[in-house]
C-alpha atoms as a PDB file:
ATOM      1  CA  MET A   1      11.268   4.813  17.261  1.00  0.00           C
ATOM      2  CA  THR A   2       9.732   5.093  20.736  1.00  0.00           C
ATOM      3  CA  CYS A   3      11.296   6.853  23.718  1.00  0.00           C
ATOM      4  CA  ASN A   4      12.634   4.493  26.391  1.00  0.00           C
ATOM      5  CA  ALA A   5      11.965   5.847  29.872  1.00  0.00           C
ATOM      6  CA  ASN A   6      14.792   3.624  31.183  1.00  0.00           C
ATOM      7  CA  TRP A   7      17.511   5.288  29.115  1.00  0.00           C
ATOM      8  CA  PRO A   8      20.516   6.028  31.393  1.00  0.00           C
ATOM      9  CA  GLU A   9      20.436   9.678  30.308  1.00  0.00           C
ATOM     10  CA  ILE A  10      16.972   9.895  31.880  1.00  0.00           C
ATOM     11  CA  GLN A  11      17.380   7.633  34.900  1.00  0.00           C
ATOM     12  CA  ASN A  12      20.719   9.124  36.003  1.00  0.00           C
ATOM     13  CA  ASN A  13      19.262  12.636  36.243  1.00  0.00           C
ATOM     14  CA  PHE A  14      16.296  11.851  38.480  1.00  0.00           C
ATOM     15  CA  GLN A  15      16.070  13.242  41.956  1.00  0.00           C
ATOM     16  CA  PRO A  16      15.417  10.619  44.685  1.00  0.00           C
ATOM     17  CA  GLY A  17      11.963   9.109  44.250  1.00  0.00           C
ATOM     18  CA  GLN A  18      11.323  10.616  40.810  1.00  0.00           C
ATOM     19  CA  THR A  19      10.055   8.715  37.772  1.00  0.00           C
ATOM     20  CA  ALA A  20       9.724   9.590  34.099  1.00  0.00           C
ATOM     21  CA  SER A  21       6.212  10.959  34.679  1.00  0.00           C
ATOM     22  CA  ASP A  22       7.689  13.523  37.090  1.00  0.00           C
ATOM     23  CA  ARG A  23      10.200  14.882  34.564  1.00  0.00           C
ATOM     24  CA  PRO A  24       8.552  15.509  31.185  1.00  0.00           C
ATOM     25  CA  ASP A  25      11.271  18.080  30.461  1.00  0.00           C
ATOM     26  CA  LEU A  26      13.956  15.408  30.792  1.00  0.00           C
ATOM     27  CA  VAL A  27      12.016  12.925  28.683  1.00  0.00           C
ATOM     28  CA  ALA A  28      11.495  15.469  25.887  1.00  0.00           C
ATOM     29  CA  ARG A  29      15.105  16.702  25.831  1.00  0.00           C
ATOM     30  CA  VAL A  30      16.700  13.241  25.853  1.00  0.00           C
ATOM     31  CA  CYS A  31      14.328  11.925  23.203  1.00  0.00           C
ATOM     32  CA  LYS A  32      15.092  14.921  20.971  1.00  0.00           C
ATOM     33  CA  LEU A  33      18.826  14.281  21.314  1.00  0.00           C
ATOM     34  CA  LYS A  34      18.318  10.620  20.407  1.00  0.00           C
ATOM     35  CA  LEU A  35      16.183  11.632  17.432  1.00  0.00           C
ATOM     36  CA  ASN A  36      18.838  14.060  16.195  1.00  0.00           C
ATOM     37  CA  GLU A  37      21.448  11.308  16.389  1.00  0.00           C
ATOM     38  CA  LEU A  38      19.174   8.868  14.570  1.00  0.00           C
ATOM     39  CA  ILE A  39      18.565  11.352  11.747  1.00  0.00           C
ATOM     40  CA  GLU A  40      22.302  12.040  11.440  1.00  0.00           C
ATOM     41  CA  ASN A  41      23.128   8.337  11.296  1.00  0.00           C
ATOM     42  CA  ILE A  42      20.504   7.732   8.619  1.00  0.00           C
ATOM     43  CA  THR A  43      20.933  10.840   6.460  1.00  0.00           C
ATOM     44  CA  LYS A  44      24.667  11.599   6.797  1.00  0.00           C
ATOM     45  CA  LYS A  45      26.358   8.336   7.796  1.00  0.00           C
ATOM     46  CA  TYR A  46      24.098   6.290   5.510  1.00  0.00           C
ATOM     47  CA  ILE A  47      23.727   3.328   7.865  1.00  0.00           C
ATOM     48  CA  LEU A  48      20.760   2.146   5.780  1.00  0.00           C
ATOM     49  CA  GLY A  49      22.136   3.362   2.433  1.00  0.00           C
ATOM     50  CA  LYS A  50      22.382   6.665   0.599  1.00  0.00           C
ATOM     51  CA  VAL A  51      19.352   8.792   1.459  1.00  0.00           C
ATOM     52  CA  LEU A  52      17.633  10.984  -1.127  1.00  0.00           C
ATOM     53  CA  GLY A  53      14.977  12.368   1.182  1.00  0.00           C
ATOM     54  CA  PHE A  54      13.079  11.849   4.409  1.00  0.00           C
ATOM     55  CA  CYS A  55      10.154  13.149   6.424  1.00  0.00           C
ATOM     56  CA  TYR A  56       8.980  12.439   9.939  1.00  0.00           C
ATOM     57  CA  THR A  57       6.343  13.342  12.493  1.00  0.00           C
ATOM     58  CA  ILE A  58       6.273  13.071  16.284  1.00  0.00           C
ATOM     59  CA  GLU A  59       3.398  11.435  18.144  1.00  0.00           C
ATOM     60  CA  PHE A  60       2.740  10.993  21.842  1.00  0.00           C
ATOM     61  CA  GLN A  61       1.270   7.902  23.429  1.00  0.00           C
ATOM     62  CA  LYS A  62      -1.413   8.107  26.077  1.00  0.00           C
ATOM     63  CA  ARG A  63       1.313   7.452  28.650  1.00  0.00           C
ATOM     64  CA  GLY A  64       3.064  10.503  27.239  1.00  0.00           C
ATOM     65  CA  LEU A  65       6.174   8.959  25.720  1.00  0.00           C
ATOM     66  CA  PRO A  66       7.102  10.517  22.365  1.00  0.00           C
ATOM     67  CA  HIS A  67       7.759   8.384  19.326  1.00  0.00           C
ATOM     68  CA  VAL A  68       8.647   9.213  15.736  1.00  0.00           C
ATOM     69  CA  HIS A  69       7.299   7.890  12.443  1.00  0.00           C
ATOM     70  CA  MET A  70       9.869   8.426   9.694  1.00  0.00           C
ATOM     71  CA  LEU A  71       9.792   7.724   5.970  1.00  0.00           C
ATOM     72  CA  VAL A  72      13.211   7.359   4.323  1.00  0.00           C
ATOM     73  CA  ILE A  73      13.704   7.300   0.548  1.00  0.00           C
ATOM     74  CA  LEU A  74      16.929   5.567  -0.516  1.00  0.00           C
ATOM     75  CA  ASP A  75      18.996   5.979  -3.658  1.00  0.00           C
ATOM     76  CA  GLN A  76      18.202   3.555  -6.459  1.00  0.00           C
ATOM     77  CA  GLU A  77      21.510   1.687  -6.006  1.00  0.00           C
ATOM     78  CA  ASP A  78      20.877   1.153  -2.282  1.00  0.00           C
ATOM     79  CA  LYS A  79      17.210   0.266  -2.443  1.00  0.00           C
ATOM     80  CA  PRO A  80      16.583  -3.209  -0.990  1.00  0.00           C
ATOM     81  CA  ASN A  81      15.080  -4.792  -4.098  1.00  0.00           C
ATOM     82  CA  ASN A  82      15.988  -8.419  -3.423  1.00  0.00           C
ATOM     83  CA  PRO A  83      15.762 -10.801  -0.435  1.00  0.00           C
ATOM     84  CA  ASP A  84      19.483 -10.582   0.381  1.00  0.00           C
ATOM     85  CA  LYS A  85      19.448  -6.783   0.679  1.00  0.00           C
ATOM     86  CA  ILE A  86      16.273  -6.887   2.721  1.00  0.00           C
ATOM     87  CA  ASP A  87      17.807  -9.389   5.147  1.00  0.00           C
ATOM     88  CA  GLU A  88      20.780  -7.049   5.633  1.00  0.00           C
ATOM     89  CA  LEU A  89      18.494  -4.277   6.887  1.00  0.00           C
ATOM     90  CA  VAL A  90      15.520  -6.000   8.479  1.00  0.00           C
ATOM     91  CA  CYS A  91      15.289  -8.882  10.912  1.00  0.00           C
ATOM     92  CA  ALA A  92      12.005 -10.503  11.934  1.00  0.00           C
ATOM     93  CA  GLU A  93      13.155 -13.234  14.288  1.00  0.00           C
ATOM     94  CA  ILE A  94      14.402 -13.579  17.843  1.00  0.00           C
ATOM     95  CA  PRO A  95      18.190 -12.949  17.642  1.00  0.00           C
ATOM     96  CA  ASN A  96      20.804 -15.597  18.323  1.00  0.00           C
ATOM     97  CA  GLN A  97      22.000 -15.381  21.911  1.00  0.00           C
ATOM     98  CA  LEU A  98      25.647 -16.104  21.045  1.00  0.00           C
ATOM     99  CA  ASN A  99      25.961 -13.478  18.296  1.00  0.00           C
ATOM    100  CA  TYR A 100      23.675 -10.816  19.807  1.00  0.00           C
ATOM    101  CA  PRO A 101      23.599 -11.218  23.592  1.00  0.00           C
ATOM    102  CA  GLU A 102      22.446  -7.615  24.085  1.00  0.00           C
ATOM    103  CA  LEU A 103      19.320  -8.265  22.024  1.00  0.00           C
ATOM    104  CA  ARG A 104      18.568 -11.695  23.395  1.00  0.00           C
ATOM    105  CA  VAL A 105      18.008 -12.743  26.985  1.00  0.00           C
ATOM    106  CA  THR A 106      16.023 -16.006  26.768  1.00  0.00           C
ATOM    107  CA  ARG A 107      15.348 -19.112  24.632  1.00  0.00           C
ATOM    108  CA  PRO A 108      13.871 -19.173  21.060  1.00  0.00           C
ATOM    109  CA  THR A 109      10.441 -19.439  22.670  1.00  0.00           C
ATOM    110  CA  ILE A 110       9.704 -16.715  25.209  1.00  0.00           C
ATOM    111  CA  GLN A 111       7.083 -16.921  27.922  1.00  0.00           C
ATOM    112  CA  ILE A 112       5.176 -13.647  28.278  1.00  0.00           C
ATOM    113  CA  GLY A 113       2.417 -14.009  30.832  1.00  0.00           C
ATOM    114  CA  ASN A 114       0.430 -17.078  29.841  1.00  0.00           C
ATOM    115  CA  ASN A 115       1.528 -16.930  26.194  1.00  0.00           C
ATOM    116  CA  GLN A 116       4.382 -18.642  24.376  1.00  0.00           C
ATOM    117  CA  VAL A 117       5.930 -16.151  21.944  1.00  0.00           C
ATOM    118  CA  ASP A 118       8.125 -17.178  19.000  1.00  0.00           C
ATOM    119  CA  ASN A 119       9.345 -15.619  15.731  1.00  0.00           C
ATOM    120  CA  ARG A 120       5.793 -15.190  14.467  1.00  0.00           C
ATOM    121  CA  PHE A 121       5.259 -12.433  17.032  1.00  0.00           C
ATOM    122  CA  VAL A 122       8.459 -10.452  16.325  1.00  0.00           C
ATOM    123  CA  VAL A 123       8.064  -6.923  14.962  1.00  0.00           C
ATOM    124  CA  PRO A 124      10.558  -6.265  12.106  1.00  0.00           C
ATOM    125  CA  TYR A 125      13.631  -4.481  13.425  1.00  0.00           C
ATOM    126  CA  ASN A 126      17.218  -3.553  12.553  1.00  0.00           C
ATOM    127  CA  LYS A 127      19.825  -5.167  14.776  1.00  0.00           C
ATOM    128  CA  PHE A 128      22.190  -2.192  14.709  1.00  0.00           C
ATOM    129  CA  LEU A 129      19.502   0.374  15.545  1.00  0.00           C
ATOM    130  CA  SER A 130      17.939  -1.744  18.308  1.00  0.00           C
ATOM    131  CA  LYS A 131      21.334  -2.355  19.900  1.00  0.00           C
ATOM    132  CA  LYS A 132      22.540   1.235  19.585  1.00  0.00           C
ATOM    133  CA  TYR A 133      19.419   3.016  20.853  1.00  0.00           C
ATOM    134  CA  ASN A 134      18.122   0.398  23.300  1.00  0.00           C
ATOM    135  CA  CYS A 135      14.479   1.109  22.532  1.00  0.00           C
ATOM    136  CA  HIS A 136      11.671  -0.015  20.279  1.00  0.00           C
ATOM    137  CA  VAL A 137      12.740   0.713  16.688  1.00  0.00           C
ATOM    138  CA  ASN A 138      10.447  -0.873  14.113  1.00  0.00           C
ATOM    139  CA  ILE A 139      11.767  -0.840  10.541  1.00  0.00           C
ATOM    140  CA  GLU A 140       9.911  -2.006   7.462  1.00  0.00           C
ATOM    141  CA  ILE A 141      10.561  -1.845   3.727  1.00  0.00           C
ATOM    142  CA  CYS A 142       8.055  -0.596   1.167  1.00  0.00           C
ATOM    143  CA  THR A 143       8.538  -2.121  -2.289  1.00  0.00           C
ATOM    144  CA  SER A 144       5.070  -1.538  -3.704  1.00  0.00           C
ATOM    145  CA  ILE A 145       3.850   1.682  -5.285  1.00  0.00           C
ATOM    146  CA  ALA A 146       0.415   0.890  -3.848  1.00  0.00           C
ATOM    147  CA  SER A 147       1.762   1.561  -0.348  1.00  0.00           C
ATOM    148  CA  VAL A 148       3.093   5.066  -1.037  1.00  0.00           C
ATOM    149  CA  LYS A 149      -0.191   6.888  -0.420  1.00  0.00           C
ATOM    150  CA  TYR A 150      -0.782   5.020   2.839  1.00  0.00           C
ATOM    151  CA  ILE A 151       2.745   5.683   4.101  1.00  0.00           C
ATOM    152  CA  PHE A 152       2.625   9.436   3.490  1.00  0.00           C
ATOM    153  CA  LYS A 153      -0.867   9.617   4.962  1.00  0.00           C
ATOM    154  CA  TYR A 154       0.276   7.708   8.034  1.00  0.00           C
ATOM    155  CA  VAL A 155       3.294   9.950   8.611  1.00  0.00           C
ATOM    156  CA  TYR A 156       1.104  13.064   8.545  1.00  0.00           C
ATOM    157  CA  LYS A 157      -2.057  11.624  10.067  1.00  0.00           C
ATOM    158  CA  GLY A 158      -1.942  13.760  13.235  1.00  0.00           C
ATOM    159  CA  PHE A 159      -3.201  12.852  16.685  1.00  0.00           C
ATOM    160  CA  ASP A 160      -5.917  10.291  17.426  1.00  0.00           C
ATOM    161  CA  SER A 161      -9.190  11.685  18.715  1.00  0.00           C
ATOM    162  CA  ILE A 162     -12.895  11.070  18.458  1.00  0.00           C
ATOM    163  CA  HIS A 163     -15.913  12.637  20.137  1.00  0.00           C
ATOM    164  CA  VAL A 164     -19.412  11.393  19.436  1.00  0.00           C
ATOM    165  CA  ALA A 165     -22.699  12.875  20.667  1.00  0.00           C
ATOM    166  CA  ILE A 166     -26.177  11.528  19.946  1.00  0.00           C
ATOM    167  CA  ALA A 167     -29.056  13.920  20.607  1.00  0.00           C
ATOM    168  CA  GLU A 168     -32.790  13.677  19.995  1.00  0.00           C
ATOM    169  CA  ASN A 169     -34.142  16.492  17.893  1.00  0.00           C
ATOM    170  CA  GLN A 170     -37.784  17.072  18.788  1.00  0.00           C
ATOM    171  CA  MET A 171     -40.111  19.484  17.086  1.00  0.00           C
ATOM    172  CA  GLY A 172     -38.807  23.012  17.541  1.00  0.00           C
ATOM    173  CA  GLN A 173     -35.753  21.897  19.528  1.00  0.00           C
ATOM    174  CA  GLU A 174     -32.383  23.232  18.354  1.00  0.00           C
ATOM    175  CA  ILE A 175     -29.271  21.058  18.510  1.00  0.00           C
ATOM    176  CA  ILE A 176     -26.311  23.220  19.531  1.00  0.00           C
ATOM    177  CA  TYR A 177     -23.040  22.133  17.933  1.00  0.00           C
ATOM    178  CA  ASP A 178     -19.964  23.809  19.390  1.00  0.00           C
ATOM    179  CA  GLU A 179     -17.039  22.861  17.133  1.00  0.00           C
ATOM    180  CA  LEU A 180     -14.436  24.450  19.403  1.00  0.00           C
ATOM    181  CA  GLN A 181     -15.691  22.606  22.467  1.00  0.00           C
ATOM    182  CA  GLN A 182     -15.802  19.364  20.489  1.00  0.00           C
ATOM    183  CA  HIS A 183     -12.129  19.849  19.628  1.00  0.00           C
ATOM    184  CA  LEU A 184     -11.173  20.567  23.240  1.00  0.00           C
ATOM    185  CA  ASN A 185     -13.051  17.520  24.478  1.00  0.00           C
ATOM    186  CA  ALA A 186     -11.263  15.260  22.007  1.00  0.00           C
ATOM    187  CA  ARG A 187      -7.771  16.757  22.310  1.00  0.00           C
ATOM    188  CA  TYR A 188      -5.461  15.072  24.795  1.00  0.00           C
ATOM    189  CA  VAL A 189      -2.093  16.712  25.497  1.00  0.00           C
ATOM    190  CA  SER A 190       0.334  14.831  27.731  1.00  0.00           C
ATOM    191  CA  ALA A 191       3.016  16.559  29.792  1.00  0.00           C
ATOM    192  CA  PRO A 192       5.908  15.475  27.503  1.00  0.00           C
ATOM    193  CA  GLU A 193       3.999  16.772  24.478  1.00  0.00           C
ATOM    194  CA  GLY A 194       3.375  20.072  26.214  1.00  0.00           C
ATOM    195  CA  MET A 195       7.063  20.308  27.092  1.00  0.00           C
ATOM    196  CA  TRP A 196       8.043  19.341  23.536  1.00  0.00           C
ATOM    197  CA  ARG A 197       6.010  22.227  22.178  1.00  0.00           C
ATOM    198  CA  LEU A 198       7.189  24.687  24.857  1.00  0.00           C
ATOM    199  CA  LEU A 199      10.787  23.885  23.918  1.00  0.00           C
ATOM    200  CA  GLU A 200       9.807  24.572  20.277  1.00  0.00           C
ATOM    201  CA  PHE A 201      10.951  21.170  19.058  1.00  0.00           C
ATOM    202  CA  LYS A 202       9.573  20.331  15.634  1.00  0.00           C
ATOM    203  CA  ILE A 203       6.535  18.075  15.418  1.00  0.00           C
ATOM    204  CA  HIS A 204       7.013  17.605  11.658  1.00  0.00           C
ATOM    205  CA  ASP A 205      10.138  17.924   9.553  1.00  0.00           C
ATOM    206  CA  ARG A 206      11.347  16.902   6.121  1.00  0.00           C
ATOM    207  CA  SER A 207      14.490  17.096   4.038  1.00  0.00           C
ATOM    208  CA  HIS A 208      12.880  18.775   1.017  1.00  0.00           C
ATOM    209  CA  SER A 209      10.199  21.413   0.603  1.00  0.00           C
ATOM    210  CA  VAL A 210       7.790  20.452  -2.169  1.00  0.00           C
ATOM    211  CA  ILE A 211       5.964  23.378  -3.800  1.00  0.00           C
ATOM    212  CA  ARG A 212       3.154  23.069  -6.296  1.00  0.00           C
ATOM    213  CA  MET A 213       4.301  25.089  -9.305  1.00  0.00           C
ATOM    214  CA  PRO A 214       1.609  27.114 -11.142  1.00  0.00           C
ATOM    215  CA  VAL A 215       1.985  26.380 -14.854  1.00  0.00           C
ATOM    216  CA  HIS A 216       0.820  28.750 -17.603  1.00  0.00           C
ATOM    217  CA  LEU A 217       1.501  29.456 -21.254  1.00  0.00           C
ATOM    218  CA  GLU A 218       3.645  32.417 -22.296  1.00  0.00           C
ATOM    219  CA  HIS A 219       1.973  35.763 -21.484  1.00  0.00           C
ATOM    220  CA  GLN A 220      -1.103  33.947 -20.191  1.00  0.00           C
ATOM    221  CA  GLN A 221      -0.475  34.094 -16.460  1.00  0.00           C
ATOM    222  CA  PRO A 222      -3.359  35.261 -14.245  1.00  0.00           C
ATOM    223  CA  VAL A 223      -3.461  39.019 -13.685  1.00  0.00           C
ATOM    224  CA  TYR A 224      -5.610  40.379 -10.860  1.00  0.00           C
ATOM    225  CA  PHE A 225      -6.960  43.915 -10.910  1.00  0.00           C
ATOM    226  CA  GLN A 226      -9.598  46.199  -9.510  1.00  0.00           C
ATOM    227  CA  PRO A 227     -12.285  47.463 -11.908  1.00  0.00           C
ATOM    228  CA  GLY A 228     -10.978  50.519 -13.727  1.00  0.00           C
ATOM    229  CA  GLU A 229      -7.300  49.663 -13.062  1.00  0.00           C
ATOM    230  CA  GLU A 230      -6.784  47.142 -15.861  1.00  0.00           C
ATOM    231  CA  ARG A 231      -3.942  49.050 -17.559  1.00  0.00           C
ATOM    232  CA  GLN A 232      -1.949  49.507 -14.334  1.00  0.00           C
ATOM    233  CA  ALA A 233      -2.334  45.815 -13.562  1.00  0.00           C
ATOM    234  CA  LEU A 234      -1.036  44.850 -17.005  1.00  0.00           C
ATOM    235  CA  GLU A 235       1.971  47.148 -16.637  1.00  0.00           C
ATOM    236  CA  ARG A 236       2.823  45.645 -13.248  1.00  0.00           C
ATOM    237  CA  ALA A 237       2.505  42.122 -14.696  1.00  0.00           C
ATOM    238  CA  GLN A 238       4.963  42.961 -17.485  1.00  0.00           C
ATOM    239  CA  GLN A 239       7.587  44.192 -15.031  1.00  0.00           C
ATOM    240  CA  CYS A 240       7.656  41.208 -12.676  1.00  0.00           C
ATOM    241  CA  ASN A 241       8.095  37.465 -13.036  1.00  0.00           C
ATOM    242  CA  THR A 242       5.613  34.833 -12.039  1.00  0.00           C
ATOM    243  CA  GLN A 243       6.683  31.947  -9.840  1.00  0.00           C
ATOM    244  CA  LEU A 244       7.115  29.796 -12.964  1.00  0.00           C
ATOM    245  CA  THR A 245       9.154  32.271 -15.021  1.00  0.00           C
ATOM    246  CA  ALA A 246      11.272  33.290 -12.032  1.00  0.00           C
END
């Protein structure tokens, strides 16, 4: 879901002559409100089905507009495991103008610049979400276990950056590598992202906290001690639980 700078909540609060680039505070606040509503509709009102868990991360385009990547895990009974269920959630064609006039403004073939665009160029979307939020909301369904690793990696991939330097190392010449300066050179922070962080809005969030549980056999948990204090360490270990036994 990508922030729409033309949302009425943003446009109606501009001072004369202002644009979205002049009000990163307004862009961040309105987008956060829209995101909260989206999460509530998905996780509490179950507009896509009963949700077992979710996680999301916020990214910022080079123009500064925030957008969210969200992974939603549905209950087994609501998982779209056949073509009919998939068609109920996802549409990948230009909508019918009679049934969905808000989503459709032209003919089945659209002229964009010098290109003729048809259904082959449509990004998968949900009609309800696109109509309700009036912004770019791409929705896709993962039905293959092979895609799980990629999806989780994509959600938590972080910001895009690269900095490359090629230097000639002659005899006796030292190449100075400043890791901190490399990071600063490659890190781009837009005004809406800066405002998002100043307002302490979450960049990442998830429904469940997953903790790696240390497993051990009975009375064989690790016990740490200083040399000469073995007995005291054993007594302390007997009086308290480990994370597993607790």
